[in-house]
Amino acid sequence: MTDQDTTGLDSSMLPKHVAIIMDGNGRWAQQRGKARTSGHKAGAHAVRRAVAFARRNGIQALTLFAFSSENWNRPALEVKVLMELFATVLQREVDVLNQHGVQLKIIGDVSKFSPRLQQKIQQAEQQTAANRELVLNIAANYGGRWDMMQAAQRFAMEVEQGRAHAADLNEAKLASYLTLQDCPPPDLLIRTGGDVRISNFLLWQLAYAELFFCDTLWPDFDDAVFAQAINCYVARERRFGLTSQQIQELMASDTLED
């Protein structure tokens, strides 16, 4: 399939930050009579396509749910292959990401990974730290509840050390301790694989995101499906708790000021 993009849309209408739950690798493999682990390897190709599409269409941040804190409960062989694949992809792809101006960040509790994998993560993040074309966040050993818990713990530690007061805590303060504190909240969440839930992913950050669910299994996720999600997002009215009339009045006011 040839590359497809959202050419013709006003860039101000596009999502600045897209998050994706990459679901369906195992089922993709089983449908083809292969081991589930082969689906994860095929899914790595879909990651490359998604990153290229995001960069080509001016999306500022892309956050991919690669490995949840609950995924440790999967069969030991599958977890082992996932860890090996993660290390291999990091080593193989970091130069390409760097050449295309992609900044790589790993969000999650990386302390649970092997020292070798932790070192590769650190090296990849350092190598791409200055890039500004696209921020690629990979959520690995991540859970939304864990994210909020570690944020609360960090704030509590500052209070304990006398560097903050409990009364200082508000939404903005707590958000500054979350793993995506340097990124705008996701505008759009895409989940592949047919399930309609967010599975403990970015629970705080997705509060006002638009949700797009599709039956496409992750290894088959291509430019056409990504473009469909983007165009669906653009067609929606984001109200953030306001009425349609209020949104229209605000837009008219902005137009007059311009």
C-alpha atoms as a PDB file:
ATOM      1  CA  MET A   1       0.000   0.000   0.000  1.00  0.00           C
ATOM      2  CA  THR A   2       1.294   3.433  -0.827  1.00  0.00           C
ATOM      3  CA  ASP A   3       1.850   6.011   1.894  1.00  0.00           C
ATOM      4  CA  GLN A   4      -1.256   7.965   2.820  1.00  0.00           C
ATOM      5  CA  ASP A   5      -1.401  11.150   4.831  1.00  0.00           C
ATOM      6  CA  THR A   6      -3.822  13.865   5.832  1.00  0.00           C
ATOM      7  CA  THR A   7      -2.820  16.351   3.122  1.00  0.00           C
ATOM      8  CA  GLY A   8      -5.407  19.095   2.707  1.00  0.00           C
ATOM      9  CA  LEU A   9      -6.248  19.477   6.390  1.00  0.00           C
ATOM     10  CA  ASP A  10      -5.360  22.627   8.299  1.00  0.00           C
ATOM     11  CA  SER A  11      -2.372  21.697  10.470  1.00  0.00           C
ATOM     12  CA  SER A  12      -3.992  23.478  13.428  1.00  0.00           C
ATOM     13  CA  MET A  13      -6.794  20.898  13.305  1.00  0.00           C
ATOM     14  CA  LEU A  14      -4.492  17.889  13.661  1.00  0.00           C
ATOM     15  CA  PRO A  15      -3.791  16.279  17.024  1.00  0.00           C
ATOM     16  CA  LYS A  16      -0.536  17.409  18.595  1.00  0.00           C
ATOM     17  CA  HIS A  17      -0.187  14.211  20.623  1.00  0.00           C
ATOM     18  CA  VAL A  18      -1.449  10.751  19.661  1.00  0.00           C
ATOM     19  CA  ALA A  19      -1.370   7.757  22.013  1.00  0.00           C
ATOM     20  CA  ILE A  20      -1.796   4.189  20.753  1.00  0.00           C
ATOM     21  CA  ILE A  21      -2.581   0.921  22.527  1.00  0.00           C
ATOM     22  CA  MET A  22      -0.957  -1.577  20.157  1.00  0.00           C
ATOM     23  CA  ASP A  23      -3.189  -4.616  20.606  1.00  0.00           C
ATOM     24  CA  GLY A  24      -3.570  -7.789  18.569  1.00  0.00           C
ATOM     25  CA  ASN A  25      -0.046  -9.103  17.973  1.00  0.00           C
ATOM     26  CA  GLY A  26      -0.765 -12.508  19.493  1.00  0.00           C
ATOM     27  CA  ARG A  27      -4.064 -12.988  17.678  1.00  0.00           C
ATOM     28  CA  TRP A  28      -2.469 -11.911  14.401  1.00  0.00           C
ATOM     29  CA  ALA A  29       0.094 -14.699  14.783  1.00  0.00           C
ATOM     30  CA  GLN A  30      -2.445 -17.314  15.883  1.00  0.00           C
ATOM     31  CA  GLN A  31      -4.644 -16.586  12.861  1.00  0.00           C
ATOM     32  CA  ARG A  32      -1.643 -17.534  10.738  1.00  0.00           C
ATOM     33  CA  GLY A  33      -0.808 -20.673  12.692  1.00  0.00           C
ATOM     34  CA  LYS A  34       2.320 -19.124  14.180  1.00  0.00           C
ATOM     35  CA  ALA A  35       3.589 -18.662  17.724  1.00  0.00           C
ATOM     36  CA  ARG A  36       2.346 -15.541  19.503  1.00  0.00           C
ATOM     37  CA  THR A  37       5.914 -14.258  19.680  1.00  0.00           C
ATOM     38  CA  SER A  38       6.057 -13.929  15.889  1.00  0.00           C
ATOM     39  CA  GLY A  39       3.209 -11.429  16.130  1.00  0.00           C
ATOM     40  CA  HIS A  40       5.294  -9.166  18.350  1.00  0.00           C
ATOM     41  CA  LYS A  41       8.087  -9.203  15.791  1.00  0.00           C
ATOM     42  CA  ALA A  42       5.601  -8.322  13.022  1.00  0.00           C
ATOM     43  CA  GLY A  43       4.271  -5.544  15.264  1.00  0.00           C
ATOM     44  CA  ALA A  44       7.692  -3.862  15.233  1.00  0.00           C
ATOM     45  CA  HIS A  45       7.186  -3.102  11.519  1.00  0.00           C
ATOM     46  CA  ALA A  46       3.873  -1.404  12.328  1.00  0.00           C
ATOM     47  CA  VAL A  47       5.685   0.762  14.879  1.00  0.00           C
ATOM     48  CA  ARG A  48       8.035   1.988  12.150  1.00  0.00           C
ATOM     49  CA  ARG A  49       5.081   2.843   9.902  1.00  0.00           C
ATOM     50  CA  ALA A  50       3.283   4.703  12.693  1.00  0.00           C
ATOM     51  CA  VAL A  51       6.369   6.733  13.600  1.00  0.00           C
ATOM     52  CA  ALA A  52       6.967   7.666   9.957  1.00  0.00           C
ATOM     53  CA  PHE A  53       3.320   8.677   9.488  1.00  0.00           C
ATOM     54  CA  ALA A  54       3.348  10.825  12.638  1.00  0.00           C
ATOM     55  CA  ARG A  55       6.550  12.586  11.636  1.00  0.00           C
ATOM     56  CA  ARG A  56       5.382  13.119   8.058  1.00  0.00           C
ATOM     57  CA  ASN A  57       2.093  14.661   9.190  1.00  0.00           C
ATOM     58  CA  GLY A  58       3.500  17.037  11.794  1.00  0.00           C
ATOM     59  CA  ILE A  59       2.290  15.239  14.909  1.00  0.00           C
ATOM     60  CA  GLN A  60       4.459  16.488  17.761  1.00  0.00           C
ATOM     61  CA  ALA A  61       4.305  13.491  20.123  1.00  0.00           C
ATOM     62  CA  LEU A  62       3.471   9.806  19.722  1.00  0.00           C
ATOM     63  CA  THR A  63       3.066   7.575  22.786  1.00  0.00           C
ATOM     64  CA  LEU A  64       2.951   3.801  22.257  1.00  0.00           C
ATOM     65  CA  PHE A  65       1.854   1.273  24.897  1.00  0.00           C
ATOM     66  CA  ALA A  66       4.441  -1.468  24.420  1.00  0.00           C
ATOM     67  CA  PHE A  67       4.452  -3.402  27.699  1.00  0.00           C
ATOM     68  CA  SER A  68       2.129  -2.908  30.652  1.00  0.00           C
ATOM     69  CA  SER A  69       2.907  -3.614  34.293  1.00  0.00           C
ATOM     70  CA  GLU A  70       0.373  -6.463  34.031  1.00  0.00           C
ATOM     71  CA  ASN A  71       2.146  -8.081  31.048  1.00  0.00           C
ATOM     72  CA  TRP A  72       4.671  -9.732  33.392  1.00  0.00           C
ATOM     73  CA  ASN A  73       1.896 -12.269  34.070  1.00  0.00           C
ATOM     74  CA  ARG A  74       2.013 -13.562  30.494  1.00  0.00           C
ATOM     75  CA  PRO A  75       3.762 -16.872  29.670  1.00  0.00           C
ATOM     76  CA  ALA A  76       7.449 -16.728  30.612  1.00  0.00           C
ATOM     77  CA  LEU A  77       8.629 -17.435  27.047  1.00  0.00           C
ATOM     78  CA  GLU A  78       6.527 -14.610  25.622  1.00  0.00           C
ATOM     79  CA  VAL A  79       7.866 -12.157  28.226  1.00  0.00           C
ATOM     80  CA  LYS A  80      11.437 -13.296  27.500  1.00  0.00           C
ATOM     81  CA  VAL A  81      10.967 -12.757  23.755  1.00  0.00           C
ATOM     82  CA  LEU A  82       9.398  -9.345  24.360  1.00  0.00           C
ATOM     83  CA  MET A  83      12.369  -8.236  26.448  1.00  0.00           C
ATOM     84  CA  GLU A  84      14.837  -9.501  23.852  1.00  0.00           C
ATOM     85  CA  LEU A  85      12.857  -7.821  21.058  1.00  0.00           C
ATOM     86  CA  PHE A  86      12.763  -4.562  23.008  1.00  0.00           C
ATOM     87  CA  ALA A  87      16.557  -4.603  23.428  1.00  0.00           C
ATOM     88  CA  THR A  88      17.135  -5.529  19.779  1.00  0.00           C
ATOM     89  CA  VAL A  89      14.799  -2.849  18.405  1.00  0.00           C
ATOM     90  CA  LEU A  90      16.363  -0.220  20.662  1.00  0.00           C
ATOM     91  CA  GLN A  91      19.826  -1.016  19.359  1.00  0.00           C
ATOM     92  CA  ARG A  92      18.766  -1.373  15.737  1.00  0.00           C
ATOM     93  CA  GLU A  93      16.401   1.598  15.428  1.00  0.00           C
ATOM     94  CA  VAL A  94      17.993   4.321  17.534  1.00  0.00           C
ATOM     95  CA  ASP A  95      20.326   5.505  14.742  1.00  0.00           C
ATOM     96  CA  VAL A  96      17.421   5.747  12.292  1.00  0.00           C
ATOM     97  CA  LEU A  97      15.304   7.650  14.817  1.00  0.00           C
ATOM     98  CA  ASN A  98      18.196   9.998  15.459  1.00  0.00           C
ATOM     99  CA  GLN A  99      18.736  10.639  11.746  1.00  0.00           C
ATOM    100  CA  HIS A 100      15.080  11.650  11.391  1.00  0.00           C
ATOM    101  CA  GLY A 101      15.066  13.982  14.391  1.00  0.00           C
ATOM    102  CA  VAL A 102      13.007  11.724  16.655  1.00  0.00           C
ATOM    103  CA  GLN A 103      13.510  12.069  20.397  1.00  0.00           C
ATOM    104  CA  LEU A 104      13.006   8.745  22.197  1.00  0.00           C
ATOM    105  CA  LYS A 105      11.729   8.504  25.760  1.00  0.00           C
ATOM    106  CA  ILE A 106      10.858   5.392  27.743  1.00  0.00           C
ATOM    107  CA  ILE A 107       8.128   5.930  30.316  1.00  0.00           C
ATOM    108  CA  GLY A 108       7.436   3.368  33.031  1.00  0.00           C
ATOM    109  CA  ASP A 109       9.226   1.611  35.865  1.00  0.00           C
ATOM    110  CA  VAL A 110      12.445   0.692  34.037  1.00  0.00           C
ATOM    111  CA  SER A 111      14.048  -0.487  37.296  1.00  0.00           C
ATOM    112  CA  LYS A 112      12.343  -3.860  36.728  1.00  0.00           C
ATOM    113  CA  PHE A 113      14.309  -4.459  33.533  1.00  0.00           C
ATOM    114  CA  SER A 114      17.719  -6.127  33.321  1.00  0.00           C
ATOM    115  CA  PRO A 115      20.791  -3.899  33.839  1.00  0.00           C
ATOM    116  CA  ARG A 116      21.702  -4.493  30.175  1.00  0.00           C
ATOM    117  CA  LEU A 117      18.312  -3.282  28.957  1.00  0.00           C
ATOM    118  CA  GLN A 118      18.374  -0.307  31.330  1.00  0.00           C
ATOM    119  CA  GLN A 119      21.742   0.687  29.879  1.00  0.00           C
ATOM    120  CA  LYS A 120      20.420   0.475  26.306  1.00  0.00           C
ATOM    121  CA  ILE A 121      17.441   2.631  27.291  1.00  0.00           C
ATOM    122  CA  GLN A 122      19.697   5.248  28.839  1.00  0.00           C
ATOM    123  CA  GLN A 123      21.997   5.302  25.813  1.00  0.00           C
ATOM    124  CA  ALA A 124      19.097   5.619  23.363  1.00  0.00           C
ATOM    125  CA  GLU A 125      17.521   8.467  25.312  1.00  0.00           C
ATOM    126  CA  GLN A 126      20.819  10.324  25.574  1.00  0.00           C
ATOM    127  CA  GLN A 127      21.586   9.877  21.880  1.00  0.00           C
ATOM    128  CA  THR A 128      18.254  11.366  20.775  1.00  0.00           C
ATOM    129  CA  ALA A 129      17.748  13.940  23.562  1.00  0.00           C
ATOM    130  CA  ALA A 130      18.362  16.995  21.367  1.00  0.00           C
ATOM    131  CA  ASN A 131      15.941  15.975  18.596  1.00  0.00           C
ATOM    132  CA  ARG A 132      12.756  18.016  18.068  1.00  0.00           C
ATOM    133  CA  GLU A 133      11.050  16.593  14.960  1.00  0.00           C
ATOM    134  CA  LEU A 134       8.896  14.148  16.965  1.00  0.00           C
ATOM    135  CA  VAL A 135       8.823  12.944  20.573  1.00  0.00           C
ATOM    136  CA  LEU A 136       8.348   9.172  20.665  1.00  0.00           C
ATOM    137  CA  ASN A 137       7.310   7.908  24.098  1.00  0.00           C
ATOM    138  CA  ILE A 138       7.435   4.154  24.593  1.00  0.00           C
ATOM    139  CA  ALA A 139       5.419   3.025  27.620  1.00  0.00           C
ATOM    140  CA  ALA A 140       7.215  -0.051  28.968  1.00  0.00           C
ATOM    141  CA  ASN A 141       6.384  -1.634  32.327  1.00  0.00           C
ATOM    142  CA  TYR A 142       3.880   1.171  32.562  1.00  0.00           C
ATOM    143  CA  GLY A 143       0.499   1.449  34.275  1.00  0.00           C
ATOM    144  CA  GLY A 144      -1.685   4.495  34.743  1.00  0.00           C
ATOM    145  CA  ARG A 145      -2.271   3.728  38.427  1.00  0.00           C
ATOM    146  CA  TRP A 146       1.480   3.277  38.953  1.00  0.00           C
ATOM    147  CA  ASP A 147       2.081   6.630  37.256  1.00  0.00           C
ATOM    148  CA  MET A 148      -0.270   8.476  39.602  1.00  0.00           C
ATOM    149  CA  MET A 149       1.066   6.600  42.616  1.00  0.00           C
ATOM    150  CA  GLN A 150       4.717   7.438  41.877  1.00  0.00           C
ATOM    151  CA  ALA A 151       3.731  11.077  41.294  1.00  0.00           C
ATOM    152  CA  ALA A 152       2.005  11.207  44.687  1.00  0.00           C
ATOM    153  CA  GLN A 153       5.000   9.531  46.334  1.00  0.00           C
ATOM    154  CA  ARG A 154       7.420  12.050  44.825  1.00  0.00           C
ATOM    155  CA  PHE A 155       5.321  14.961  46.049  1.00  0.00           C
ATOM    156  CA  ALA A 156       4.961  13.377  49.508  1.00  0.00           C
ATOM    157  CA  MET A 157       8.745  13.018  49.685  1.00  0.00           C
ATOM    158  CA  GLU A 158       9.174  16.725  48.954  1.00  0.00           C
ATOM    159  CA  VAL A 159       6.704  17.532  51.733  1.00  0.00           C
ATOM    160  CA  GLU A 160       8.597  15.207  54.079  1.00  0.00           C
ATOM    161  CA  GLN A 161      11.867  16.959  53.225  1.00  0.00           C
ATOM    162  CA  GLY A 162      10.349  20.390  53.814  1.00  0.00           C
ATOM    163  CA  ARG A 163      10.591  21.460  50.151  1.00  0.00           C
ATOM    164  CA  ALA A 164       6.803  21.599  49.650  1.00  0.00           C
ATOM    165  CA  HIS A 165       3.592  21.888  51.647  1.00  0.00           C
ATOM    166  CA  ALA A 166       0.524  19.663  51.375  1.00  0.00           C
ATOM    167  CA  ALA A 167      -1.571  22.738  50.596  1.00  0.00           C
ATOM    168  CA  ASP A 168       0.543  23.286  47.455  1.00  0.00           C
ATOM    169  CA  LEU A 169      -0.946  20.234  45.768  1.00  0.00           C
ATOM    170  CA  ASN A 170      -3.301  20.927  42.870  1.00  0.00           C
ATOM    171  CA  GLU A 171      -3.900  19.337  39.462  1.00  0.00           C
ATOM    172  CA  ALA A 172      -1.071  21.211  37.764  1.00  0.00           C
ATOM    173  CA  LYS A 173       1.350  20.354  40.566  1.00  0.00           C
ATOM    174  CA  LEU A 174       0.510  16.636  40.497  1.00  0.00           C
ATOM    175  CA  ALA A 175       0.723  16.563  36.695  1.00  0.00           C
ATOM    176  CA  SER A 176       4.273  17.906  36.913  1.00  0.00           C
ATOM    177  CA  TYR A 177       5.340  14.643  38.583  1.00  0.00           C
ATOM    178  CA  LEU A 178       3.765  12.334  35.989  1.00  0.00           C
ATOM    179  CA  THR A 179       5.883  10.588  33.378  1.00  0.00           C
ATOM    180  CA  LEU A 180       4.592  12.730  30.481  1.00  0.00           C
ATOM    181  CA  GLN A 181       5.045  16.042  32.281  1.00  0.00           C
ATOM    182  CA  ASP A 182       6.948  17.511  29.317  1.00  0.00           C
ATOM    183  CA  CYS A 183       4.268  16.609  26.731  1.00  0.00           C
ATOM    184  CA  PRO A 184       0.820  18.080  26.130  1.00  0.00           C
ATOM    185  CA  PRO A 185      -1.942  15.596  27.063  1.00  0.00           C
ATOM    186  CA  PRO A 186      -2.891  13.210  24.246  1.00  0.00           C
ATOM    187  CA  ASP A 187      -5.549  14.634  21.932  1.00  0.00           C
ATOM    188  CA  LEU A 188      -6.322  11.241  20.432  1.00  0.00           C
ATOM    189  CA  LEU A 189      -6.124   7.671  21.725  1.00  0.00           C
ATOM    190  CA  ILE A 190      -6.143   4.865  19.176  1.00  0.00           C
ATOM    191  CA  ARG A 191      -6.632   1.250  20.205  1.00  0.00           C
ATOM    192  CA  THR A 192      -6.255  -1.559  17.692  1.00  0.00           C
ATOM    193  CA  GLY A 193      -7.423  -5.158  18.045  1.00  0.00           C
ATOM    194  CA  GLY A 194     -11.147  -4.686  18.631  1.00  0.00           C
ATOM    195  CA  ASP A 195     -11.271  -4.280  22.415  1.00  0.00           C
ATOM    196  CA  VAL A 196     -12.982  -1.134  23.716  1.00  0.00           C
ATOM    197  CA  ARG A 197     -11.160  -0.157  26.916  1.00  0.00           C
ATOM    198  CA  ILE A 198      -8.067   1.803  27.930  1.00  0.00           C
ATOM    199  CA  SER A 199      -6.441  -0.944  30.049  1.00  0.00           C
ATOM    200  CA  ASN A 200      -4.786   1.210  32.728  1.00  0.00           C
ATOM    201  CA  PHE A 201      -3.043   3.398  30.151  1.00  0.00           C
ATOM    202  CA  LEU A 202      -2.435   7.119  30.817  1.00  0.00           C
ATOM    203  CA  LEU A 203      -5.428   7.324  33.179  1.00  0.00           C
ATOM    204  CA  TRP A 204      -4.742  10.932  34.160  1.00  0.00           C
ATOM    205  CA  GLN A 205      -3.590  12.215  30.787  1.00  0.00           C
ATOM    206  CA  LEU A 206      -6.486  10.789  28.740  1.00  0.00           C
ATOM    207  CA  ALA A 207      -9.173  12.706  30.642  1.00  0.00           C
ATOM    208  CA  TYR A 208     -10.274  14.708  27.569  1.00  0.00           C
ATOM    209  CA  ALA A 209      -8.745  12.687  24.735  1.00  0.00           C
ATOM    210  CA  GLU A 210     -10.856  11.583  21.790  1.00  0.00           C
ATOM    211  CA  LEU A 211     -11.025   7.780  21.562  1.00  0.00           C
ATOM    212  CA  PHE A 212     -10.781   5.749  18.354  1.00  0.00           C
ATOM    213  CA  PHE A 213     -11.193   1.959  18.450  1.00  0.00           C
ATOM    214  CA  CYS A 214     -10.692  -0.282  15.432  1.00  0.00           C
ATOM    215  CA  ASP A 215     -10.713  -4.018  14.725  1.00  0.00           C
ATOM    216  CA  THR A 216      -7.400  -3.883  12.850  1.00  0.00           C
ATOM    217  CA  LEU A 217      -4.782  -6.050  14.569  1.00  0.00           C
ATOM    218  CA  TRP A 218      -1.627  -4.094  15.333  1.00  0.00           C
ATOM    219  CA  PRO A 219       0.709  -5.751  12.766  1.00  0.00           C
ATOM    220  CA  ASP A 220      -1.801  -4.704  10.063  1.00  0.00           C
ATOM    221  CA  PHE A 221      -2.010  -1.083  11.271  1.00  0.00           C
ATOM    222  CA  ASP A 222      -0.919   1.031   8.318  1.00  0.00           C
ATOM    223  CA  ASP A 223      -1.092   4.589   6.985  1.00  0.00           C
ATOM    224  CA  ALA A 224      -4.679   4.153   5.805  1.00  0.00           C
ATOM    225  CA  VAL A 225      -5.957   3.196   9.274  1.00  0.00           C
ATOM    226  CA  PHE A 226      -3.896   5.943  10.929  1.00  0.00           C
ATOM    227  CA  ALA A 227      -5.321   8.494   8.470  1.00  0.00           C
ATOM    228  CA  GLN A 228      -8.841   7.202   9.178  1.00  0.00           C
ATOM    229  CA  ALA A 229      -8.305   7.794  12.909  1.00  0.00           C
ATOM    230  CA  ILE A 230      -6.944  11.290  12.300  1.00  0.00           C
ATOM    231  CA  ASN A 231      -9.820  12.254  10.030  1.00  0.00           C
ATOM    232  CA  CYS A 232     -12.314  10.888  12.558  1.00  0.00           C
ATOM    233  CA  TYR A 233     -10.651  13.053  15.201  1.00  0.00           C
ATOM    234  CA  VAL A 234     -10.784  16.156  13.010  1.00  0.00           C
ATOM    235  CA  ALA A 235     -14.518  15.633  12.387  1.00  0.00           C
ATOM    236  CA  ARG A 236     -15.342  15.692  16.103  1.00  0.00           C
ATOM    237  CA  GLU A 237     -16.162  18.724  18.219  1.00  0.00           C
ATOM    238  CA  ARG A 238     -13.990  18.874  21.332  1.00  0.00           C
ATOM    239  CA  ARG A 239     -15.897  20.730  24.051  1.00  0.00           C
ATOM    240  CA  PHE A 240     -13.864  20.167  27.245  1.00  0.00           C
ATOM    241  CA  GLY A 241     -17.030  20.476  29.345  1.00  0.00           C
ATOM    242  CA  LEU A 242     -18.426  23.475  27.445  1.00  0.00           C
ATOM    243  CA  THR A 243     -21.497  23.597  25.188  1.00  0.00           C
ATOM    244  CA  SER A 244     -21.332  23.642  21.406  1.00  0.00           C
ATOM    245  CA  GLN A 245     -22.512  27.262  21.415  1.00  0.00           C
ATOM    246  CA  GLN A 246     -19.720  28.288  23.787  1.00  0.00           C
ATOM    247  CA  ILE A 247     -17.131  26.591  21.587  1.00  0.00           C
ATOM    248  CA  GLN A 248     -18.466  28.354  18.499  1.00  0.00           C
ATOM    249  CA  GLU A 249     -18.382  31.714  20.294  1.00  0.00           C
ATOM    250  CA  LEU A 250     -14.791  31.124  21.395  1.00  0.00           C
ATOM    251  CA  MET A 251     -13.763  30.185  17.859  1.00  0.00           C
ATOM    252  CA  ALA A 252     -15.463  33.298  16.488  1.00  0.00           C
ATOM    253  CA  SER A 253     -13.698  35.419  19.097  1.00  0.00           C
ATOM    254  CA  ASP A 254     -10.322  33.944  18.151  1.00  0.00           C
ATOM    255  CA  THR A 255     -11.014  34.624  14.472  1.00  0.00           C
ATOM    256  CA  LEU A 256     -11.863  38.252  15.174  1.00  0.00           C
ATOM    257  CA  GLU A 257      -8.679  38.710  17.229  1.00  0.00           C
ATOM    258  CA  ASP A 258      -6.588  37.317  14.382  1.00  0.00           C
END
